[in-house]
Amino acid sequence: SRRTGAETTMSRKFVADALSPPNMNPVEFKMDLEDVPFDPRRHLQYEPPTHVKTLDFKDVPFPYSPEIQRNFPGIAYTRPFRLLSDEGTRILKSIVMRYKDAHLKQNERNKCLRGLGYLSKWVRDFTFNPE
């Protein structure tokens, strides 16, 4: 029997290989080496969400059971969940505060700190850490 597009999409894994970090910085970005290097054992504290919410507002247990994986509509969102330890949060906040005035791009509606992975080795190592 031939599979439909939806069946094919649902049978795929929704995980991709990690990207490699850039091997060079743009000229206008000088990377700082923080006093404390990123250490996943100290700075990560991943606590996954217990549920996700589909776009029709149904709570779905997470991680997904095989039955949910077969029938999942394909997109959902979560409540906030923990990723960093208290120490990791403190370090990331200090890095953001250090660069917010010099590199904050803003318009009438939002503010966005761009290029932080080019400015901070800690942020780059955090971003590209396989754990």
Foldseek 3Di string as FASTA:
>chain_A
DDDDPQQVVLPDDPDDDFDDFDPDAPPVADADEDPDAADCVQWWDWDDAQWWAAPVGDTAGPPHDPVCSRVPPNDTGGDDTGTTDPVNVVVVVVLCVVCCVPQWDDDPPDIDRPDSLRHYVRVVCVRRPPD
